[in-house]
Amino acid sequence: MAEGGTTLEYTPTWVVAVVCTVFVIISLALERFLHYLGKFLKKKNQKPLFEALQKIKEELMILGFISLLLTVFQDKITSFCISEDLANKLLPCKKKPEATGSSHFQTFFSFPGGSVRRLLAEPSDAKSKCDKGKVPILSTTALHHLHIFIFVLACVHVAFCALTILFGSAKIRQWKHWEESVSNKEYDIEEAKSSKVTHVQDHDFIKNRFRGIGKNFYLMAWVRSFFKQFYASVNKSDYITLRWGFIMTHCRGNPKFNFHKYMMRALEADFKKVVGISWYLWIFVVVFLLLNVSGWHTYFWIAFVPFILLLAVGTKLEHIITQLAHEVAEKHVAVEGDLVVQPSDDHFWFHSPKIVLVLIHIILFQNSFELAFFFWIWVQYGFDSCIMGEVGYIIPRLIIGAFIQFVCSYSTLPLYAIVTQMGSSFKKAIFDEHIQEGLVGWAKQAKKNAVLRKAANGSSQVGHKEDSPGAVLLTRTGPERSTTEDRKAGEIVHEH
């Protein structure tokens, strides 16, 4: 094994004991912190955030497993040899003509005080197991640096996602007084219809979003949506109109439905999906590491991917609100009662509101990757490292990263929280926790009974029919209940 230094055979026992004690204490402290944080979230009935914490634990477990694999198979990896010609292809940095006694991995990091310290070094006299003309596919030092980078990337991603959700939630909470101003009013749907006529063109929502722009000015609507995401992306008339459209579509019998509370629960439930690192994101990491070749400036061009996606998502969400206004303004001059928009999946890309969450997940991860890679290179190899690149490429990357983090937190995420409720269906966050559990249990039982009925093939008739725990919210009567419930049961089980 190509290692240097003293082995455990000749290391003082007190040194081994002290080092082990320190690492055990740190690990136990982290485990206890996560444990008590989970208990606190459960005590506060924050089940979505608790599930997000469990997701973070899963990511830590994956990182631990990666660390174990890299450690166990370190000798196997470093003993695998390739030709020098192959090793000199697709390098992040061009090799210098003459070796200076240490590789570019053995660098120093300068601190403001002027002091320097060696971060990681590999003995220059380490013996190689490779034959002449061949080199190890990955050195011990490079393997260790890769290990650290993966860990830093995961930690930065989790931290940035948490900050985005935190700031985005703070922005959404500012809408709470709009909810209270509407829900505190006494309201009767039938009475409002018979006693009130709303002139569409005079409504604030239509005046702000329509402004006489018809189908002939399709491009102008997109341009306005692009700029609208940067200032007052959602105002009071938008919130009240979208809220009322949701209520009239999904819970017509409850005009005082707390739309803001539902929206916050749905956002917390989505957080656990965003905080994880999915398989397609790991593919992105691998592709980037492959294309990070000297002279290609991949780290610079890749920064535009989340930037462009962010602008596209924000523009699309704003345009959906504009489309809802156009549909009403182009069909009606006046309406009975309040203005009602019609939520529909047709407004979203591929008729799926869920794809917006996937895109936000990609945006946050790629931005986290960019900033994690920058700071890791800075600390590991120094600001003047060839991997870092020229200052002209560095400054735009940092500006783009900060812009993405700010806009995603204060504009895109709040837009996502409210606009994705304008789909054809609602999320299970519309129910309280105990009702959710009851519905899932009922749905599974209903689906099981449907399978049994099909297996029986009509030979016997089931006399007992289960009752839905959601009957207090959705009432059904008559023989048509069976087919509808079976279909809904399948949807609920699938979502769960």
Protein backbone atom coordinates (compact mmCIF):
# COMPACT_ATOMS: atom_id res chain seq x y z
CA MET A 1 0.00 0.00 0.00
CA ALA A 2 1.42 3.37 -1.01
CA GLU A 3 1.15 5.07 2.37
CA GLY A 4 3.57 7.14 4.42
CA GLY A 5 3.89 7.90 8.14
CA THR A 6 3.73 5.81 11.27
CA THR A 7 1.29 2.91 11.52
CA LEU A 8 -0.92 2.15 14.53
CA GLU A 9 1.70 -0.32 15.70
CA TYR A 10 3.98 2.55 16.68
CA THR A 11 1.40 5.21 17.53
CA PRO A 12 0.94 6.11 21.24
CA THR A 13 -2.21 4.57 22.64
CA TRP A 14 -3.27 7.84 24.26
CA VAL A 15 -3.24 9.53 20.84
CA VAL A 16 -5.48 6.83 19.37
CA ALA A 17 -7.82 7.01 22.37
CA VAL A 18 -8.07 10.82 22.27
CA VAL A 19 -8.75 10.94 18.52
CA CYS A 20 -11.40 8.21 18.76
CA THR A 21 -13.03 9.96 21.72
CA VAL A 22 -13.27 13.27 19.86
CA PHE A 23 -14.89 11.69 16.79
CA VAL A 24 -17.30 9.62 18.90
CA ILE A 25 -18.37 12.69 20.88
CA ILE A 26 -18.96 14.72 17.72
CA SER A 27 -20.94 11.89 16.11
CA LEU A 28 -23.08 11.30 19.21
CA ALA A 29 -23.72 15.04 19.59
CA LEU A 30 -24.95 15.24 16.00
CA GLU A 31 -27.11 12.13 16.43
CA ARG A 32 -28.67 13.48 19.64
CA PHE A 33 -29.27 16.87 18.03
CA LEU A 34 -31.15 15.30 15.13
CA HIS A 35 -33.06 13.05 17.55
CA TYR A 36 -34.27 15.92 19.74
CA LEU A 37 -35.00 18.06 16.70
CA GLY A 38 -37.23 15.26 15.42
CA LYS A 39 -39.02 15.02 18.78
CA PHE A 40 -39.54 18.79 18.78
CA LEU A 41 -41.05 18.74 15.29
CA LYS A 42 -43.39 15.87 16.21
CA LYS A 43 -44.42 17.68 19.38
CA LYS A 44 -45.30 20.74 17.29
CA ASN A 45 -47.25 18.52 14.84
CA GLN A 46 -44.84 19.42 12.03
CA LYS A 47 -45.03 16.06 10.29
CA PRO A 48 -43.86 17.33 6.86
CA LEU A 49 -40.76 18.93 8.41
CA PHE A 50 -40.16 15.78 10.44
CA GLU A 51 -40.28 13.73 7.23
CA ALA A 52 -37.82 16.20 5.67
CA LEU A 53 -35.51 15.59 8.63
CA GLN A 54 -35.78 11.86 8.01
CA LYS A 55 -34.83 12.53 4.40
CA ILE A 56 -31.73 14.37 5.57
CA LYS A 57 -30.82 11.39 7.73
CA GLU A 58 -31.15 9.15 4.68
CA GLU A 59 -28.78 11.42 2.76
CA LEU A 60 -26.29 11.26 5.63
CA MET A 61 -26.55 7.49 5.58
CA ILE A 62 -25.82 7.45 1.84
CA LEU A 63 -22.82 9.71 2.40
CA GLY A 64 -21.62 7.39 5.15
CA PHE A 65 -21.94 4.43 2.82
CA ILE A 66 -20.02 6.25 0.08
CA SER A 67 -17.34 7.08 2.62
CA LEU A 68 -17.15 3.45 3.69
CA LEU A 69 -16.83 2.24 0.09
CA LEU A 70 -14.09 4.75 -0.70
CA THR A 71 -12.20 3.71 2.42
CA VAL A 72 -12.58 -0.04 2.02
CA PHE A 73 -11.73 -0.08 -1.68
CA GLN A 74 -9.03 2.59 -1.52
CA ASP A 75 -6.22 0.09 -2.10
CA LYS A 76 -8.06 -1.56 -4.99
CA ILE A 77 -8.71 1.78 -6.69
CA THR A 78 -5.16 3.10 -6.30
CA SER A 79 -3.66 -0.20 -7.45
CA PHE A 80 -5.61 -0.13 -10.73
CA CYS A 81 -3.19 1.16 -13.37
CA ILE A 82 -3.71 2.89 -16.70
CA SER A 83 -1.25 4.13 -19.33
CA GLU A 84 0.30 7.58 -18.93
CA ASP A 85 -1.14 8.69 -22.28
CA LEU A 86 -4.67 7.90 -21.11
CA ALA A 87 -4.02 9.59 -17.76
CA ASN A 88 -3.01 12.80 -19.54
CA LYS A 89 -6.31 13.17 -21.41
CA LEU A 90 -9.21 15.40 -20.25
CA LEU A 91 -7.27 16.96 -17.38
CA PRO A 92 -8.82 19.78 -15.29
CA CYS A 93 -5.39 21.45 -15.29
CA LYS A 94 -2.57 21.28 -17.78
CA LYS A 95 0.51 19.60 -16.38
CA LYS A 96 3.65 21.68 -16.01
CA PRO A 97 6.64 20.64 -18.12
CA GLU A 98 8.72 19.90 -15.05
CA ALA A 99 7.62 18.48 -11.73
CA THR A 100 8.33 20.68 -8.74
CA GLY A 101 8.42 17.90 -6.17
CA SER A 102 4.73 17.96 -5.34
CA SER A 103 1.53 17.73 -7.30
CA HIS A 104 -1.03 20.49 -7.61
CA PHE A 105 -3.10 18.68 -5.01
CA GLN A 106 -0.51 19.60 -2.35
CA THR A 107 -1.41 23.26 -2.12
CA PHE A 108 -1.70 25.83 0.60
CA PHE A 109 -4.59 28.06 1.57
CA SER A 110 -3.72 31.60 2.59
CA PHE A 111 -5.82 33.23 5.29
CA PRO A 112 -6.33 36.97 5.75
CA GLY A 113 -3.88 37.02 8.66
CA GLY A 114 -1.10 35.84 6.39
CA SER A 115 -0.72 32.43 7.97
CA VAL A 116 -0.71 29.31 5.84
CA ARG A 117 -1.41 25.69 6.54
CA ARG A 118 -1.12 22.48 4.58
CA LEU A 119 -4.55 21.01 4.04
CA LEU A 120 -3.68 17.64 2.66
CA ALA A 121 -0.45 16.11 1.42
CA GLU A 122 0.61 12.85 0.00
CA PRO A 123 4.20 11.66 0.40
CA SER A 124 6.11 12.37 -2.77
CA ASP A 125 8.15 9.23 -2.30
CA ALA A 126 5.13 6.95 -2.14
CA LYS A 127 5.86 3.77 -4.01
CA SER A 128 3.70 2.90 -6.97
CA LYS A 129 2.53 -0.62 -7.69
CA CYS A 130 2.22 0.19 -11.39
CA ASP A 131 4.69 -0.92 -14.02
CA LYS A 132 6.83 1.48 -15.98
CA GLY A 133 4.77 3.64 -18.32
CA LYS A 134 1.63 3.28 -16.20
CA VAL A 135 0.16 5.27 -13.33
CA PRO A 136 -2.62 4.67 -10.76
CA ILE A 137 -6.07 5.54 -12.07
CA LEU A 138 -6.63 7.70 -8.96
CA SER A 139 -4.09 8.67 -6.33
CA THR A 140 -4.81 8.38 -2.62
CA THR A 141 -4.86 12.16 -2.26
CA ALA A 142 -7.20 12.70 -5.22
CA LEU A 143 -9.49 9.97 -3.88
CA HIS A 144 -9.61 11.66 -0.49
CA HIS A 145 -10.34 15.05 -2.08
CA LEU A 146 -13.18 13.54 -4.09
CA HIS A 147 -14.54 12.07 -0.87
CA ILE A 148 -14.52 15.48 0.80
CA PHE A 149 -16.16 17.18 -2.20
CA ILE A 150 -19.12 14.78 -2.21
CA PHE A 151 -19.66 15.40 1.50
CA VAL A 152 -19.41 19.19 1.11
CA LEU A 153 -21.83 19.12 -1.84
CA ALA A 154 -24.50 17.25 0.11
CA CYS A 155 -24.16 19.52 3.16
CA VAL A 156 -24.31 22.72 1.10
CA HIS A 157 -27.36 21.44 -0.82
CA VAL A 158 -29.26 20.69 2.38
CA ALA A 159 -28.29 24.05 3.88
CA PHE A 160 -29.27 26.03 0.78
CA CYS A 161 -32.60 24.21 0.45
CA ALA A 162 -33.37 24.93 4.10
CA LEU A 163 -32.53 28.62 3.65
CA THR A 164 -34.67 28.82 0.50
CA ILE A 165 -37.66 27.25 2.23
CA LEU A 166 -37.10 29.43 5.32
CA PHE A 167 -37.01 32.72 3.40
CA GLY A 168 -39.75 31.63 1.00
CA SER A 169 -42.01 30.68 3.91
CA ALA A 170 -41.34 34.05 5.53
CA LYS A 171 -42.50 35.73 2.33
CA ILE A 172 -45.64 33.58 2.14
CA ARG A 173 -46.50 34.32 5.79
CA GLN A 174 -46.82 37.97 4.82
CA TRP A 175 -49.93 36.94 2.88
CA LYS A 176 -51.62 35.72 6.06
CA HIS A 177 -53.34 39.05 6.72
CA TRP A 178 -54.94 38.82 3.26
CA GLU A 179 -56.39 35.45 4.26
CA GLU A 180 -57.68 36.83 7.56
CA SER A 181 -59.23 39.89 5.91
CA VAL A 182 -61.31 37.63 3.66
CA SER A 183 -62.11 34.70 5.97
CA ASN A 184 -63.33 36.96 8.79
CA LYS A 185 -66.18 38.20 6.63
CA GLU A 186 -69.54 36.49 6.80
CA TYR A 187 -70.17 34.98 3.38
CA ASP A 188 -72.96 33.00 1.80
CA ILE A 189 -72.38 31.75 -1.75
CA GLU A 190 -76.01 31.70 -2.91
CA GLU A 191 -76.78 35.07 -1.36
CA ALA A 192 -73.71 36.61 -2.95
CA LYS A 193 -74.70 35.29 -6.38
CA SER A 194 -78.18 36.79 -6.20
CA SER A 195 -77.20 40.14 -4.72
CA LYS A 196 -73.88 40.96 -6.40
CA VAL A 197 -72.78 41.55 -9.97
CA THR A 198 -69.08 41.94 -10.73
CA HIS A 199 -68.05 43.88 -13.81
CA VAL A 200 -65.06 41.91 -15.05
CA GLN A 201 -63.08 44.79 -16.56
CA ASP A 202 -63.37 46.77 -13.32
CA HIS A 203 -62.00 43.99 -11.13
CA ASP A 204 -58.48 44.65 -9.79
CA PHE A 205 -57.28 41.18 -10.79
CA ILE A 206 -58.36 41.72 -14.42
CA LYS A 207 -57.07 45.30 -14.59
CA ASN A 208 -53.66 44.25 -13.30
CA ARG A 209 -53.34 41.14 -15.45
CA PHE A 210 -55.44 41.67 -18.57
CA ARG A 211 -55.28 45.37 -19.48
CA GLY A 212 -56.97 44.75 -22.81
CA ILE A 213 -54.21 42.48 -24.04
CA GLY A 214 -55.93 39.81 -26.06
CA LYS A 215 -54.79 36.77 -27.95
CA ASN A 216 -53.23 38.95 -30.65
CA PHE A 217 -50.68 40.16 -28.09
CA TYR A 218 -49.61 36.72 -26.96
CA LEU A 219 -45.90 37.61 -26.94
CA MET A 220 -46.48 40.76 -24.88
CA ALA A 221 -48.16 38.69 -22.18
CA TRP A 222 -45.04 36.53 -21.89
CA VAL A 223 -42.76 39.58 -21.78
CA ARG A 224 -44.84 41.17 -19.04
CA SER A 225 -44.85 37.88 -17.09
CA PHE A 226 -41.05 37.76 -17.33
CA PHE A 227 -40.62 41.15 -15.67
CA LYS A 228 -43.54 40.70 -13.25
CA GLN A 229 -41.69 37.94 -11.38
CA PHE A 230 -39.14 40.47 -10.11
CA TYR A 231 -41.58 42.91 -8.50
CA ALA A 232 -44.84 42.28 -6.64
CA SER A 233 -45.08 38.80 -8.13
CA VAL A 234 -48.26 38.16 -6.12
CA ASN A 235 -50.46 41.02 -4.87
CA LYS A 236 -53.62 41.02 -2.79
CA SER A 237 -56.05 40.81 -5.73
CA ASP A 238 -54.07 37.86 -7.14
CA TYR A 239 -54.16 36.02 -3.83
CA ILE A 240 -57.85 36.59 -3.14
CA THR A 241 -58.89 35.63 -6.69
CA LEU A 242 -56.76 32.48 -6.83
CA ARG A 243 -57.92 31.52 -3.34
CA TRP A 244 -61.57 31.88 -4.33
CA GLY A 245 -61.02 29.90 -7.53
CA PHE A 246 -59.51 27.04 -5.51
CA ILE A 247 -62.34 27.07 -2.97
CA MET A 248 -65.09 27.12 -5.59
CA THR A 249 -63.44 24.21 -7.42
CA HIS A 250 -62.36 21.90 -4.60
CA CYS A 251 -64.27 22.82 -1.42
CA ARG A 252 -67.32 24.77 -2.50
CA GLY A 253 -69.19 24.03 0.71
CA ASN A 254 -66.61 25.76 2.89
CA PRO A 255 -66.15 29.41 1.80
CA LYS A 256 -64.08 30.09 4.95
CA PHE A 257 -61.55 27.41 4.06
CA ASN A 258 -58.08 28.44 5.32
CA PHE A 259 -56.27 28.49 1.99
CA HIS A 260 -53.10 30.00 3.49
CA LYS A 261 -52.75 27.23 6.07
CA TYR A 262 -53.30 24.59 3.39
CA MET A 263 -50.72 26.23 1.14
CA MET A 264 -48.12 26.24 3.93
CA ARG A 265 -48.76 22.56 4.73
CA ALA A 266 -48.38 21.67 1.06
CA LEU A 267 -45.10 23.60 0.85
CA GLU A 268 -43.72 21.84 3.93
CA ALA A 269 -44.66 18.50 2.40
CA ASP A 270 -42.79 19.42 -0.79
CA PHE A 271 -39.69 20.38 1.21
CA LYS A 272 -38.83 16.76 1.92
CA LYS A 273 -38.72 16.11 -1.83
CA VAL A 274 -36.49 19.10 -2.54
CA VAL A 275 -33.98 18.50 0.24
CA GLY A 276 -32.93 15.08 -1.06
CA ILE A 277 -30.47 14.32 -3.87
CA SER A 278 -32.23 12.22 -6.49
CA TRP A 279 -30.53 9.86 -8.91
CA TYR A 280 -30.77 12.26 -11.84
CA LEU A 281 -28.92 14.89 -9.79
CA TRP A 282 -26.07 12.47 -9.14
CA ILE A 283 -25.93 11.95 -12.92
CA PHE A 284 -25.47 15.71 -13.29
CA VAL A 285 -22.54 15.60 -10.84
CA VAL A 286 -20.86 12.81 -12.80
CA VAL A 287 -21.37 14.59 -16.14
CA PHE A 288 -19.94 17.83 -14.76
CA LEU A 289 -16.89 16.08 -13.33
CA LEU A 290 -16.37 14.49 -16.74
CA LEU A 291 -16.62 17.77 -18.65
CA ASN A 292 -14.54 19.87 -16.25
CA VAL A 293 -11.64 19.93 -18.72
CA SER A 294 -8.95 22.58 -18.83
CA GLY A 295 -9.86 25.39 -21.22
CA TRP A 296 -13.54 24.44 -21.54
CA HIS A 297 -14.67 26.64 -18.60
CA THR A 298 -17.46 24.17 -17.89
CA TYR A 299 -17.95 25.51 -14.36
CA PHE A 300 -18.78 28.91 -15.89
CA TRP A 301 -21.22 27.79 -18.59
CA ILE A 302 -22.97 25.34 -16.27
CA ALA A 303 -23.91 28.27 -14.01
CA PHE A 304 -26.33 29.46 -16.69
CA VAL A 305 -28.38 26.25 -16.52
CA PRO A 306 -30.10 26.99 -13.16
CA PHE A 307 -30.19 30.69 -14.08
CA ILE A 308 -32.15 30.06 -17.30
CA LEU A 309 -34.38 27.45 -15.64
CA LEU A 310 -35.19 29.87 -12.81
CA LEU A 311 -36.24 32.63 -15.21
CA ALA A 312 -38.27 30.15 -17.28
CA VAL A 313 -40.11 28.74 -14.24
CA GLY A 314 -40.84 32.19 -12.79
CA THR A 315 -42.11 33.47 -16.13
CA LYS A 316 -44.32 30.41 -16.62
CA LEU A 317 -45.88 30.70 -13.16
CA GLU A 318 -46.64 34.38 -13.70
CA HIS A 319 -48.05 33.61 -17.13
CA ILE A 320 -50.41 31.02 -15.65
CA ILE A 321 -51.96 33.74 -13.47
CA THR A 322 -52.24 35.95 -16.56
CA GLN A 323 -53.89 33.10 -18.49
CA LEU A 324 -56.48 32.67 -15.75
CA ALA A 325 -57.29 36.38 -16.01
CA HIS A 326 -57.49 36.20 -19.80
CA GLU A 327 -59.91 33.26 -19.71
CA VAL A 328 -62.38 35.21 -17.58
CA ALA A 329 -61.94 38.56 -19.35
CA GLU A 330 -62.39 37.11 -22.83
CA LYS A 331 -65.53 35.13 -21.92
CA HIS A 332 -67.46 37.48 -19.63
CA VAL A 333 -68.34 41.13 -19.35
CA ALA A 334 -70.02 40.71 -15.97
CA VAL A 335 -70.53 37.76 -13.62
CA GLU A 336 -72.90 37.04 -10.76
CA GLY A 337 -71.17 37.06 -7.40
CA ASP A 338 -67.40 37.23 -7.08
CA LEU A 339 -64.96 36.67 -9.91
CA VAL A 340 -64.07 32.96 -10.18
CA VAL A 341 -61.12 31.58 -12.14
CA GLN A 342 -61.05 27.98 -13.31
CA PRO A 343 -58.00 25.94 -12.16
CA SER A 344 -56.75 23.43 -14.71
CA ASP A 345 -53.69 21.26 -15.36
CA ASP A 346 -53.77 22.45 -18.97
CA HIS A 347 -51.98 25.64 -17.96
CA PHE A 348 -48.86 23.76 -16.85
CA TRP A 349 -46.04 22.21 -18.87
CA PHE A 350 -47.02 18.72 -19.99
CA HIS A 351 -50.31 19.21 -18.09
CA SER A 352 -48.49 18.45 -14.82
CA PRO A 353 -48.01 20.93 -11.93
CA LYS A 354 -45.58 18.44 -10.35
CA ILE A 355 -42.96 19.13 -13.01
CA VAL A 356 -42.48 22.62 -11.54
CA LEU A 357 -41.26 21.09 -8.28
CA VAL A 358 -38.80 18.89 -10.20
CA LEU A 359 -37.41 21.96 -11.97
CA ILE A 360 -37.06 23.87 -8.69
CA HIS A 361 -35.27 20.83 -7.26
CA ILE A 362 -32.82 20.90 -10.18
CA ILE A 363 -32.33 24.67 -9.85
CA LEU A 364 -31.52 24.51 -6.14
CA PHE A 365 -29.19 21.54 -6.54
CA GLN A 366 -27.24 22.98 -9.47
CA ASN A 367 -26.87 26.31 -7.71
CA SER A 368 -25.71 24.51 -4.57
CA PHE A 369 -23.29 22.50 -6.70
CA GLU A 370 -21.81 25.65 -8.24
CA LEU A 371 -21.24 27.40 -4.93
CA ALA A 372 -20.06 24.25 -3.15
CA PHE A 373 -17.56 23.57 -5.94
CA PHE A 374 -16.27 27.15 -5.79
CA PHE A 375 -15.70 27.23 -2.03
CA TRP A 376 -14.29 23.70 -1.98
CA ILE A 377 -11.72 24.59 -4.65
CA TRP A 378 -10.92 27.81 -2.81
CA VAL A 379 -10.27 26.08 0.51
CA GLN A 380 -8.72 22.91 -0.89
CA TYR A 381 -6.40 24.26 -3.59
CA GLY A 382 -6.36 28.03 -3.14
CA PHE A 383 -7.85 30.95 -5.05
CA ASP A 384 -5.07 30.83 -7.66
CA SER A 385 -5.69 27.19 -8.55
CA CYS A 386 -5.94 26.43 -12.25
CA ILE A 387 -9.30 24.73 -11.57
CA MET A 388 -10.65 27.99 -10.15
CA GLY A 389 -10.05 29.78 -13.45
CA GLU A 390 -9.73 33.43 -14.26
CA VAL A 391 -11.33 36.18 -12.21
CA GLY A 392 -13.44 37.16 -15.22
CA TYR A 393 -15.18 33.78 -14.96
CA ILE A 394 -15.35 33.66 -11.17
CA ILE A 395 -17.20 36.93 -10.44
CA PRO A 396 -20.14 36.23 -12.80
CA ARG A 397 -20.55 32.78 -11.25
CA LEU A 398 -20.84 34.24 -7.75
CA ILE A 399 -23.26 36.96 -8.89
CA ILE A 400 -25.44 34.42 -10.69
CA GLY A 401 -25.42 32.10 -7.65
CA ALA A 402 -26.46 34.90 -5.27
CA PHE A 403 -29.15 36.08 -7.73
CA ILE A 404 -30.61 32.58 -8.04
CA GLN A 405 -30.72 32.11 -4.28
CA PHE A 406 -32.44 35.45 -3.71
CA VAL A 407 -34.99 35.26 -6.53
CA CYS A 408 -35.85 31.62 -5.83
CA SER A 409 -36.47 32.39 -2.14
CA TYR A 410 -38.49 35.59 -2.46
CA SER A 411 -40.24 35.17 -5.81
CA THR A 412 -40.16 31.75 -7.46
CA LEU A 413 -40.93 29.64 -4.38
CA PRO A 414 -43.90 31.79 -3.23
CA LEU A 415 -45.19 31.76 -6.82
CA TYR A 416 -44.86 27.98 -6.89
CA ALA A 417 -46.70 27.64 -3.58
CA ILE A 418 -49.82 29.44 -4.79
CA VAL A 419 -49.88 28.85 -8.56
CA THR A 420 -49.46 25.06 -8.38
CA GLN A 421 -52.72 24.99 -6.41
CA MET A 422 -54.39 26.07 -9.66
CA GLY A 423 -54.22 22.53 -11.03
CA SER A 424 -57.18 20.24 -11.63
CA SER A 425 -56.70 18.37 -8.33
CA PHE A 426 -55.79 19.24 -4.76
CA LYS A 427 -53.00 17.87 -2.58
CA LYS A 428 -53.58 15.66 0.43
CA ALA A 429 -52.38 18.54 2.64
CA ILE A 430 -55.96 19.84 2.31
CA PHE A 431 -56.87 17.36 5.05
CA ASP A 432 -55.67 17.43 8.64
CA GLU A 433 -53.19 14.76 9.72
CA HIS A 434 -55.73 12.42 11.33
CA ILE A 435 -58.04 12.69 8.34
CA GLN A 436 -55.13 11.97 5.98
CA GLU A 437 -54.31 8.78 7.88
CA GLY A 438 -57.96 7.71 7.90
CA LEU A 439 -58.34 8.38 4.17
CA VAL A 440 -55.21 6.42 3.32
CA GLY A 441 -56.41 3.45 5.39
CA TRP A 442 -59.86 3.62 3.84
CA ALA A 443 -58.39 3.95 0.33
CA LYS A 444 -56.21 0.88 0.77
CA GLN A 445 -59.16 -1.13 2.08
CA ALA A 446 -61.39 0.08 -0.76
CA LYS A 447 -58.76 -0.84 -3.33
CA LYS A 448 -58.36 -4.27 -1.74
CA ASN A 449 -62.12 -4.82 -1.84
CA ALA A 450 -62.17 -3.78 -5.50
CA VAL A 451 -59.58 -6.46 -6.30
CA LEU A 452 -61.61 -9.05 -4.40
CA ARG A 453 -64.77 -8.09 -6.30
CA LYS A 454 -62.98 -8.50 -9.61
CA ALA A 455 -61.58 -11.86 -8.51
CA ALA A 456 -65.03 -13.04 -7.50
CA ASN A 457 -66.14 -12.08 -11.05
CA GLY A 458 -69.66 -11.35 -9.95
CA SER A 459 -70.23 -14.78 -8.35
CA SER A 460 -71.05 -13.21 -5.02
CA GLN A 461 -72.17 -9.79 -4.00
CA VAL A 462 -70.52 -7.94 -1.18
CA GLY A 463 -73.09 -6.91 1.36
CA HIS A 464 -70.88 -4.71 3.46
CA LYS A 465 -69.57 -1.49 2.09
CA GLU A 466 -66.98 0.61 3.86
CA ASP A 467 -67.65 4.23 4.74
CA SER A 468 -65.18 6.95 3.84
CA PRO A 469 -63.57 8.82 6.74
CA GLY A 470 -63.75 11.88 4.51
CA ALA A 471 -67.53 11.76 4.41
CA VAL A 472 -67.65 14.89 6.52
CA LEU A 473 -66.00 16.70 3.62
CA LEU A 474 -67.14 14.82 0.55
CA THR A 475 -70.61 13.22 0.71
CA ARG A 476 -71.71 10.59 -1.78
CA THR A 477 -75.01 8.73 -1.98
CA GLY A 478 -76.55 6.09 -4.17
CA PRO A 479 -75.15 3.11 -6.10
CA GLU A 480 -72.74 5.31 -8.13
CA ARG A 481 -70.48 5.55 -5.04
CA SER A 482 -68.66 2.26 -5.58
CA THR A 483 -66.99 2.97 -8.92
CA THR A 484 -66.01 6.52 -7.98
CA GLU A 485 -64.54 5.48 -4.63
CA ASP A 486 -62.50 2.71 -6.20
CA ARG A 487 -60.97 5.19 -8.63
CA LYS A 488 -60.29 7.78 -5.89
CA ALA A 489 -58.88 5.08 -3.64
CA GLY A 490 -56.31 4.20 -6.25
CA GLU A 491 -55.33 7.86 -6.55
CA ILE A 492 -54.94 8.34 -2.80
CA VAL A 493 -52.89 5.18 -2.35
CA HIS A 494 -50.65 6.12 -5.27
CA GLU A 495 -50.05 9.61 -3.87
CA HIS A 496 -49.32 8.24 -0.43
